């Protein structure tokens, strides 16, 4: 079904830039980049999927069953996303908030052309119908001279109009009021924790998505970076978080809860990292979500196989320190991969606990439909493996509507201080704002 060629490349960083530049000619693009981040559970350094042979997109109604049919019948690599609002398929919930981005609730495509990078080894997988284009494509890619935007100062906007003005969907006083309402729910015992998100946006704005992604990635260099393009809809993501991965019969989920800013002073930076690792509020947030993830994984796990491999380990990224836990399980051979996704979606790190109550409450308090934000981007392989990130630290763009958006959130618990939560949101939003506004 696919022609596969393995070649050696000289400079993987340079080749990545060439690949991504070459990909911009296509209507459907998924680019996944680990940025050479050392991680135990990684499979590839980078993956590029372009040019759809088949496409499946739908709203939330019966979405997972339809995805199951598409994934089974295609029996090939498929790439795409799951929006947060698929929660309405999993539970009796709704999404009635403001939505100016207009992404489909679910989108996957079967790419004609696939590239996998691992070190200096490049694997190309072309559908047989386009295999005669492979040699010429590789020559074209090699001949590309890339122009990096990395050398530009961060203060140079990448809007064609050079005047992006970011607005807040929820202003500071309203944010405090909404967090106070959440705390009342927590003190009443309705929920233990809620991930409350707010949107920052710009209207009537034209940006260059390709340059925007390059710039965001250059200042963040996260392990789950994504560039997604589909007919005027773009995602430029600097996500540090894996949602869930299946490799063979092993399932791995790595929720993030707990964030601290970085410092250019090494001693101060180490102190901030140590403070995060010892912060009881941050640890309790993380542990609550670990319990939720363990419960979600147990729905498809072989009995007794759910295991916490890492608890509250602090990882360092270019912009922030993050507290990450790793939860694993084993599944039976006959467990359908889509069922594993369905029983764990949306990811607990973006909802709260208990999950359904938290989702109901945050839906009432948030002003914006989350859509792709706090959803997931990734792929299914022909042998039923998969890997998906969590869409956070991301810029979303609707080219037709000239609408740019990024959202940030934080976990609200009984110990939350509204001012500190607000400041944490600004830390998380820093890279996106710098890229867009300069």
Protein backbone atom coordinates (compact mmCIF):
# COMPACT_ATOMS: atom_id res chain seq x y z
CA UNK A 1 0.00 0.00 0.00
CA UNK A 2 2.94 2.34 0.71
CA UNK A 3 6.37 2.59 -0.83
CA UNK A 4 8.93 2.96 1.95
CA UNK A 5 12.43 4.37 1.49
CA UNK A 6 15.07 4.90 4.19
CA UNK A 7 17.80 7.48 3.59
CA UNK A 8 20.46 9.22 5.64
CA UNK A 9 20.54 13.00 5.99
CA UNK A 10 23.46 15.20 7.04
CA UNK A 11 21.88 17.86 9.22
CA UNK A 12 18.56 16.96 10.85
CA UNK A 13 17.81 20.49 12.12
CA UNK A 14 18.33 21.95 8.68
CA UNK A 15 16.34 19.15 7.05
CA UNK A 16 13.41 19.78 9.40
CA UNK A 17 13.27 23.39 8.21
CA UNK A 18 13.36 22.28 4.58
CA UNK A 19 10.60 19.70 5.13
CA UNK A 20 8.33 22.18 6.86
CA UNK A 21 8.96 24.84 4.19
CA UNK A 22 8.17 22.31 1.43
CA UNK A 23 4.96 21.23 3.21
CA UNK A 24 3.34 24.66 2.94
CA UNK A 25 2.13 23.98 -0.62
CA UNK A 26 -0.43 21.42 0.65
CA UNK A 27 -3.97 21.96 1.97
CA UNK A 28 -3.60 19.36 4.75
CA UNK A 29 -0.48 19.40 6.92
CA UNK A 30 0.39 17.86 10.29
CA UNK A 31 3.93 18.50 11.55
CA UNK A 32 5.01 17.02 14.91
CA UNK A 33 8.41 17.95 16.33
CA UNK A 34 10.07 16.79 19.58
CA UNK A 35 12.76 19.48 19.25
CA UNK A 36 15.34 16.86 20.25
CA UNK A 37 13.95 16.89 23.78
CA UNK A 38 15.28 13.84 25.62
CA UNK A 39 12.29 11.75 26.65
CA UNK A 40 11.84 8.15 27.63
CA UNK A 41 8.64 7.59 25.65
CA UNK A 42 9.49 9.23 22.30
CA UNK A 43 9.20 7.35 18.98
CA UNK A 44 10.35 9.90 16.39
CA UNK A 45 12.24 13.18 16.39
CA UNK A 46 9.79 14.66 13.88
CA UNK A 47 6.90 13.53 11.66
CA UNK A 48 5.34 15.21 8.63
CA UNK A 49 2.05 14.13 7.05
CA UNK A 50 0.75 15.97 3.96
CA UNK A 51 -1.82 15.80 1.17
CA UNK A 52 -4.98 13.90 2.04
CA UNK A 53 -6.06 10.82 0.13
CA UNK A 54 -9.12 10.47 2.37
CA UNK A 55 -10.55 12.91 4.95
CA UNK A 56 -12.94 12.42 7.85
CA UNK A 57 -14.38 15.33 9.80
CA UNK A 58 -17.52 15.67 11.87
CA UNK A 59 -19.20 17.42 14.77
CA UNK A 60 -19.31 15.77 18.20
CA UNK A 61 -22.45 13.66 17.63
CA UNK A 62 -21.46 9.97 17.56
CA UNK A 63 -17.95 11.17 16.67
CA UNK A 64 -15.96 8.42 18.39
CA UNK A 65 -17.97 5.61 16.79
CA UNK A 66 -17.51 7.22 13.38
CA UNK A 67 -13.77 7.66 14.03
CA UNK A 68 -13.61 3.99 15.01
CA UNK A 69 -15.13 3.02 11.66
CA UNK A 70 -12.80 5.35 9.72
CA UNK A 71 -9.67 4.16 11.54
CA UNK A 72 -10.61 0.48 11.12
CA UNK A 73 -11.59 0.69 7.46
CA UNK A 74 -8.60 2.87 6.48
CA UNK A 75 -6.13 0.49 8.14
CA UNK A 76 -3.35 2.99 7.46
CA UNK A 77 -1.65 6.01 9.03
CA UNK A 78 -4.19 8.72 9.88
CA UNK A 79 -3.36 12.13 11.35
CA UNK A 80 -5.62 14.76 12.88
CA UNK A 81 -7.16 16.21 15.99
CA UNK A 82 -9.77 15.71 18.66
CA UNK A 83 -11.36 18.93 19.93
CA UNK A 84 -12.24 19.41 23.58
CA UNK A 85 -15.93 19.58 22.67
CA UNK A 86 -15.99 15.85 21.90
CA UNK A 87 -16.78 15.71 25.63
CA UNK A 88 -20.36 16.15 24.43
CA UNK A 89 -20.18 12.76 22.69
CA UNK A 90 -18.68 11.03 25.74
CA UNK A 91 -21.09 12.55 28.29
CA UNK A 92 -24.43 14.37 28.23
CA UNK A 93 -22.83 17.80 28.03
CA UNK A 94 -23.05 20.78 25.70
CA UNK A 95 -20.90 23.65 24.41
CA UNK A 96 -22.78 26.91 23.93
CA UNK A 97 -20.03 29.45 24.49
CA UNK A 98 -18.68 31.98 21.98
CA UNK A 99 -16.71 30.45 19.08
CA UNK A 100 -14.98 32.61 16.48
CA UNK A 101 -12.49 29.99 15.28
CA UNK A 102 -14.92 27.55 13.67
CA UNK A 103 -12.83 24.38 13.69
CA UNK A 104 -14.66 21.06 13.15
CA UNK A 105 -15.02 19.03 16.36
CA UNK A 106 -12.99 16.17 14.88
CA UNK A 107 -10.70 16.04 11.84
CA UNK A 108 -8.48 13.23 10.49
CA UNK A 109 -6.91 12.52 7.13
CA UNK A 110 -4.99 9.69 5.49
CA UNK A 111 -1.86 11.33 4.04
CA UNK A 112 -0.49 10.43 0.64
CA UNK A 113 3.01 11.43 1.77
CA UNK A 114 4.67 10.71 5.11
CA UNK A 115 8.09 11.54 6.53
CA UNK A 116 9.59 10.21 9.78
CA UNK A 117 12.85 11.60 11.17
CA UNK A 118 14.89 9.75 13.77
CA UNK A 119 18.36 11.15 14.29
CA UNK A 120 19.93 11.31 10.81
CA UNK A 121 17.63 8.62 9.41
CA UNK A 122 14.72 9.68 7.22
CA UNK A 123 11.88 7.27 6.42
CA UNK A 124 9.47 8.20 3.64
CA UNK A 125 6.16 6.34 3.27
CA UNK A 126 4.29 7.21 0.04
CA UNK A 127 0.99 5.69 -1.03
CA UNK A 128 1.51 3.60 -4.16
CA UNK A 129 -0.53 6.05 -6.25
CA UNK A 130 2.10 8.80 -5.70
CA UNK A 131 5.27 6.71 -5.36
CA UNK A 132 6.51 8.03 -8.72
CA UNK A 133 6.69 11.51 -7.10
CA UNK A 134 8.93 10.39 -4.22
CA UNK A 135 12.33 10.78 -5.86
CA UNK A 136 11.51 14.19 -7.29
CA UNK A 137 10.07 15.38 -3.94
CA UNK A 138 13.26 14.42 -2.11
CA UNK A 139 15.33 16.34 -4.67
CA UNK A 140 13.07 19.38 -4.30
CA UNK A 141 13.27 19.25 -0.50
CA UNK A 142 17.06 18.98 -0.58
CA UNK A 143 17.32 21.99 -2.90
CA UNK A 144 15.29 24.29 -0.64
CA UNK A 145 17.18 27.20 0.86
CA UNK A 146 15.50 28.01 4.16
CA UNK A 147 15.12 31.49 5.59
CA UNK A 148 14.94 31.24 9.35
CA UNK A 149 12.83 33.68 11.33
CA UNK A 150 14.72 32.65 14.45
CA UNK A 151 17.31 35.36 13.92
CA UNK A 152 14.67 38.07 14.05
CA UNK A 153 14.19 39.85 17.30
CA UNK A 154 11.15 38.61 19.21
CA UNK A 155 9.93 42.20 19.16
CA UNK A 156 9.23 42.09 15.42
CA UNK A 157 5.55 41.23 14.86
CA UNK A 158 4.74 38.64 12.20
CA UNK A 159 1.48 40.17 11.17
CA UNK A 160 1.35 41.52 7.64
CA UNK A 161 -0.30 44.60 9.10
CA UNK A 162 2.19 44.84 12.00
CA UNK A 163 -0.41 45.98 14.50
CA UNK A 164 -1.78 43.01 16.42
CA UNK A 165 -3.66 44.13 19.50
CA UNK A 166 -4.46 41.32 21.90
CA UNK A 167 -7.76 41.58 23.78
CA UNK A 168 -8.90 39.68 26.88
CA UNK A 169 -12.16 37.76 26.77
CA UNK A 170 -12.28 37.81 30.61
CA UNK A 171 -10.92 40.90 32.33
CA UNK A 172 -9.03 40.72 35.61
CA UNK A 173 -11.92 41.60 37.96
CA UNK A 174 -14.23 39.14 36.18
CA UNK A 175 -11.52 36.48 36.41
CA UNK A 176 -11.29 36.98 40.20
CA UNK A 177 -15.09 36.79 40.48
CA UNK A 178 -15.24 33.54 38.47
CA UNK A 179 -12.42 31.96 40.50
CA UNK A 180 -14.30 32.94 43.67
CA UNK A 181 -17.38 31.09 42.31
CA UNK A 182 -15.21 28.03 41.58
CA UNK A 183 -13.82 28.14 45.12
CA UNK A 184 -17.40 28.20 46.46
CA UNK A 185 -18.13 25.02 44.46
CA UNK A 186 -14.96 23.43 45.86
CA UNK A 187 -15.75 24.38 49.47
CA UNK A 188 -19.28 22.97 49.03
CA UNK A 189 -17.77 19.69 47.86
CA UNK A 190 -19.16 19.85 44.29
CA UNK A 191 -15.64 19.40 42.89
CA UNK A 192 -12.05 19.11 44.16
CA UNK A 193 -10.31 20.83 41.28
CA UNK A 194 -11.22 22.63 38.05
CA UNK A 195 -9.09 23.71 35.13
CA UNK A 196 -10.41 27.18 34.35
CA UNK A 197 -9.38 28.75 31.03
CA UNK A 198 -9.53 32.19 29.48
CA UNK A 199 -9.07 33.39 25.90
CA UNK A 200 -6.86 36.14 24.50
CA UNK A 201 -7.71 37.14 20.92
CA UNK A 202 -7.23 39.56 18.04
CA UNK A 203 -9.82 40.38 15.38
CA UNK A 204 -9.40 41.55 11.78
CA UNK A 205 -5.80 40.34 11.88
CA UNK A 206 -3.69 38.76 9.16
CA UNK A 207 -0.68 36.69 10.23
CA UNK A 208 1.78 34.39 8.51
CA UNK A 209 1.06 31.03 10.20
CA UNK A 210 4.29 29.39 9.02
CA UNK A 211 6.49 32.17 10.43
CA UNK A 212 4.37 32.39 13.55
CA UNK A 213 4.93 28.70 14.25
CA UNK A 214 8.66 28.94 13.58
CA UNK A 215 9.00 31.85 15.96
CA UNK A 216 6.90 30.27 18.71
CA UNK A 217 8.83 27.04 18.42
CA UNK A 218 12.19 28.82 18.48
CA UNK A 219 11.52 30.49 21.83
CA UNK A 220 9.79 27.49 23.45
CA UNK A 221 11.36 24.34 21.89
CA UNK A 222 8.81 21.97 23.49
CA UNK A 223 8.70 18.17 23.06
CA UNK A 224 5.24 18.15 21.45
CA UNK A 225 5.37 21.05 18.99
CA UNK A 226 2.75 20.99 16.24
CA UNK A 227 1.96 22.85 13.04
CA UNK A 228 -1.48 21.96 11.67
CA UNK A 229 -3.08 23.32 8.52
CA UNK A 230 -6.43 22.51 6.95
CA UNK A 231 -8.24 24.83 4.52
CA UNK A 232 -7.62 28.14 6.27
CA UNK A 233 -7.57 26.72 9.80
CA UNK A 234 -4.19 26.71 11.54
CA UNK A 235 -2.74 25.48 14.81
CA UNK A 236 0.72 26.61 15.92
CA UNK A 237 1.47 24.74 19.12
CA UNK A 238 4.35 24.76 21.61
CA UNK A 239 2.85 22.04 23.78
CA UNK A 240 4.98 20.45 26.50
CA UNK A 241 2.37 17.78 27.31
CA UNK A 242 1.65 14.28 26.06
CA UNK A 243 -2.00 13.27 26.41
CA UNK A 244 -1.75 9.56 25.69
CA UNK A 245 0.33 7.06 23.74
CA UNK A 246 -0.18 3.43 22.76
CA UNK A 247 2.85 1.34 21.87
CA UNK A 248 2.06 -2.33 21.46
CA UNK A 249 -0.16 -3.13 24.44
CA UNK A 250 1.29 -0.43 26.70
CA UNK A 251 -0.60 2.83 27.31
CA UNK A 252 1.21 5.90 28.65
CA UNK A 253 -0.35 9.16 29.84
CA UNK A 254 1.69 12.11 31.16
CA UNK A 255 -0.46 14.79 32.79
CA UNK A 256 1.05 18.17 33.67
CA UNK A 257 -0.07 20.07 36.73
CA UNK A 258 2.23 22.62 38.34
CA UNK A 259 4.05 25.48 36.64
CA UNK A 260 6.90 27.79 37.67
CA UNK A 261 8.61 30.54 35.70
CA UNK A 262 12.26 30.33 34.59
CA UNK A 263 15.07 32.70 35.59
CA UNK A 264 18.17 33.63 33.60
CA UNK A 265 20.12 33.47 36.88
CA UNK A 266 21.11 29.81 37.31
CA UNK A 267 20.92 29.77 41.11
CA UNK A 268 17.57 31.49 41.12
CA UNK A 269 16.32 29.13 38.40
CA UNK A 270 17.32 26.08 40.46
CA UNK A 271 15.60 27.60 43.50
CA UNK A 272 12.38 28.11 41.49
CA UNK A 273 12.56 24.49 40.32
CA UNK A 274 13.08 23.25 43.89
CA UNK A 275 10.22 25.40 45.18
CA UNK A 276 7.90 23.90 42.55
CA UNK A 277 8.91 20.32 43.46
CA UNK A 278 8.17 21.01 47.15
CA UNK A 279 5.03 23.13 46.70
CA UNK A 280 2.22 21.24 48.47
CA UNK A 281 -0.54 23.00 46.52
CA UNK A 282 1.05 22.11 43.16
CA UNK A 283 1.72 18.54 44.26
CA UNK A 284 -1.86 18.08 45.46
CA UNK A 285 -3.16 19.41 42.08
CA UNK A 286 -0.96 16.92 40.26
CA UNK A 287 -1.86 13.96 42.47
CA UNK A 288 -5.61 14.62 42.09
CA UNK A 289 -5.23 14.44 38.30
CA UNK A 290 -3.04 11.33 38.55
CA UNK A 291 -5.88 9.64 40.44
CA UNK A 292 -8.30 10.70 37.71
CA UNK A 293 -5.98 9.38 34.96
CA UNK A 294 -5.53 6.08 36.81
CA UNK A 295 -9.30 5.73 36.97
CA UNK A 296 -9.68 6.57 33.24
CA UNK A 297 -6.99 4.08 32.19
CA UNK A 298 -8.50 1.35 34.37
CA UNK A 299 -11.59 1.31 32.11
CA UNK A 300 -9.62 -0.46 29.35
CA UNK A 301 -6.67 -1.84 31.36
CA UNK A 302 -5.79 -5.44 32.09
CA UNK A 303 -6.69 -5.88 35.76
CA UNK A 304 -3.93 -4.69 38.09
CA UNK A 305 -1.81 -3.18 35.30
CA UNK A 306 -2.30 0.55 36.02
CA UNK A 307 0.97 1.91 37.38
CA UNK A 308 2.33 5.34 38.34
CA UNK A 309 5.86 5.32 36.88
CA UNK A 310 6.69 8.90 37.90
CA UNK A 311 4.90 11.10 40.41
CA UNK A 312 5.30 14.90 40.45
CA UNK A 313 8.65 14.97 38.64
CA UNK A 314 9.77 18.48 37.63
CA UNK A 315 10.90 18.90 34.01
CA UNK A 316 12.54 22.04 32.64
CA UNK A 317 11.54 23.72 29.36
CA UNK A 318 12.78 26.92 27.74
CA UNK A 319 9.92 29.04 29.10
CA UNK A 320 8.82 27.26 32.30
CA UNK A 321 9.39 24.44 34.79
CA UNK A 322 6.55 21.86 34.81
CA UNK A 323 5.49 19.14 37.21
CA UNK A 324 4.72 15.96 35.25
CA UNK A 325 3.54 12.51 36.29
CA UNK A 326 3.63 9.36 34.14
CA UNK A 327 0.83 6.79 34.41
CA UNK A 328 0.87 3.54 32.43
CA UNK A 329 -1.36 0.51 31.85
CA UNK A 330 -1.57 -2.63 29.72
CA UNK A 331 -4.52 -3.45 27.42
CA UNK A 332 -5.72 -6.62 25.71
CA UNK A 333 -4.98 -7.24 22.04
CA UNK A 334 -8.65 -6.99 21.12
CA UNK A 335 -9.16 -3.54 22.75
CA UNK A 336 -9.89 -1.02 20.01
CA UNK A 337 -7.50 1.97 20.07
CA UNK A 338 -10.35 4.48 19.68
CA UNK A 339 -12.05 3.03 22.78
CA UNK A 340 -8.90 3.82 24.80
CA UNK A 341 -9.11 7.44 23.63
CA UNK A 342 -12.86 7.66 24.23
CA UNK A 343 -12.66 6.39 27.83
CA UNK A 344 -9.91 8.88 28.76
CA UNK A 345 -11.14 11.97 26.87
CA UNK A 346 -10.97 14.85 27.58
CA UNK A 347 -7.67 14.54 29.44
CA UNK A 348 -7.95 15.12 33.19
CA UNK A 349 -5.28 17.81 33.24
CA UNK A 350 -7.64 20.06 31.25
CA UNK A 351 -10.87 19.33 33.13
CA UNK A 352 -10.57 18.78 36.88
CA UNK A 353 -12.05 16.30 39.29
CA UNK A 354 -14.57 14.76 39.45
CA UNK A 355 -14.42 15.09 35.69
CA UNK A 356 -18.09 15.46 34.70
CA UNK A 357 -18.97 17.94 37.46
CA UNK A 358 -15.84 19.97 36.70
CA UNK A 359 -16.68 20.10 32.97
CA UNK A 360 -20.23 21.26 33.72
CA UNK A 361 -19.07 24.04 36.04
CA UNK A 362 -16.24 25.36 33.85
CA UNK A 363 -18.58 25.40 30.85
CA UNK A 364 -20.83 27.80 32.77
CA UNK A 365 -17.97 30.08 33.86
CA UNK A 366 -15.78 30.18 30.76
CA UNK A 367 -16.70 32.69 28.05
CA UNK A 368 -15.30 30.83 25.03
CA UNK A 369 -15.90 27.45 23.43
CA UNK A 370 -12.55 25.69 23.77
CA UNK A 371 -12.66 23.88 20.46
CA UNK A 372 -9.21 22.58 19.53
CA UNK A 373 -7.62 24.26 22.56
CA UNK A 374 -7.24 21.59 25.29
CA UNK A 375 -8.03 18.94 22.72
CA UNK A 376 -5.32 16.76 21.14
CA UNK A 377 -3.35 16.38 17.89
CA UNK A 378 -1.65 13.17 16.83
CA UNK A 379 -1.91 10.00 14.79
CA UNK A 380 -2.95 6.36 14.59
CA UNK A 381 -0.56 3.89 12.94
CA UNK A 382 -1.55 0.90 10.76
CA UNK A 383 -0.75 -1.46 13.66
CA UNK A 384 -3.18 0.37 15.99
CA UNK A 385 -0.60 2.36 17.95
CA UNK A 386 -1.19 6.07 18.55
CA UNK A 387 0.34 9.17 20.11
CA UNK A 388 -1.42 12.44 20.96
CA UNK A 389 -0.35 15.69 22.60
CA UNK A 390 -2.43 18.14 24.62
CA UNK A 391 -3.19 21.36 22.74
CA UNK A 392 -1.90 24.01 25.16
CA UNK A 393 0.58 26.91 24.73
CA UNK A 394 -0.92 27.24 21.25
CA UNK A 395 -2.01 29.90 18.77
CA UNK A 396 -5.10 29.17 16.67
CA UNK A 397 -5.96 31.06 13.50
CA UNK A 398 -8.95 31.24 11.18
CA UNK A 399 -7.58 32.79 8.00
CA UNK A 400 -11.01 33.50 6.49
CA UNK A 401 -12.31 35.29 9.56
CA UNK A 402 -8.92 36.93 10.24
CA UNK A 403 -9.26 35.79 13.84
CA UNK A 404 -6.29 34.86 16.06
CA UNK A 405 -6.72 33.24 19.46
CA UNK A 406 -4.77 31.67 22.29
CA UNK A 407 -6.09 30.43 25.61
CA UNK A 408 -4.47 29.63 28.92
CA UNK A 409 -5.77 27.97 32.05
CA UNK A 410 -4.87 26.87 35.52
CA UNK A 411 -6.04 24.39 38.11
CA UNK A 412 -8.20 25.89 40.82
CA UNK A 413 -8.16 24.00 44.14
CA UNK A 414 -9.18 24.83 47.71
CA UNK A 415 -5.74 26.38 48.29
CA UNK A 416 -5.84 28.61 45.21
CA UNK A 417 -5.08 32.32 45.50
CA UNK A 418 -6.92 34.10 42.62
CA UNK A 419 -4.08 36.60 42.12
CA UNK A 420 -1.43 33.86 41.90
CA UNK A 421 -3.62 31.88 39.49
CA UNK A 422 -4.00 34.97 37.31
CA UNK A 423 -0.24 35.55 37.34
CA UNK A 424 0.38 31.90 36.40
CA UNK A 425 -1.90 32.36 33.38
CA UNK A 426 0.20 35.34 32.28
CA UNK A 427 3.40 33.25 32.61
CA UNK A 428 1.86 30.55 30.39
CA UNK A 429 0.66 33.17 27.89
CA UNK A 430 4.02 34.95 27.66
CA UNK A 431 5.48 33.12 24.65
CA UNK A 432 2.29 33.42 22.55
CA UNK A 433 1.93 37.12 23.33
CA UNK A 434 5.58 37.86 22.55
CA UNK A 435 5.30 36.09 19.21
CA UNK A 436 2.14 37.91 18.19
CA UNK A 437 2.59 41.37 19.65
CA UNK A 438 6.34 41.66 19.93
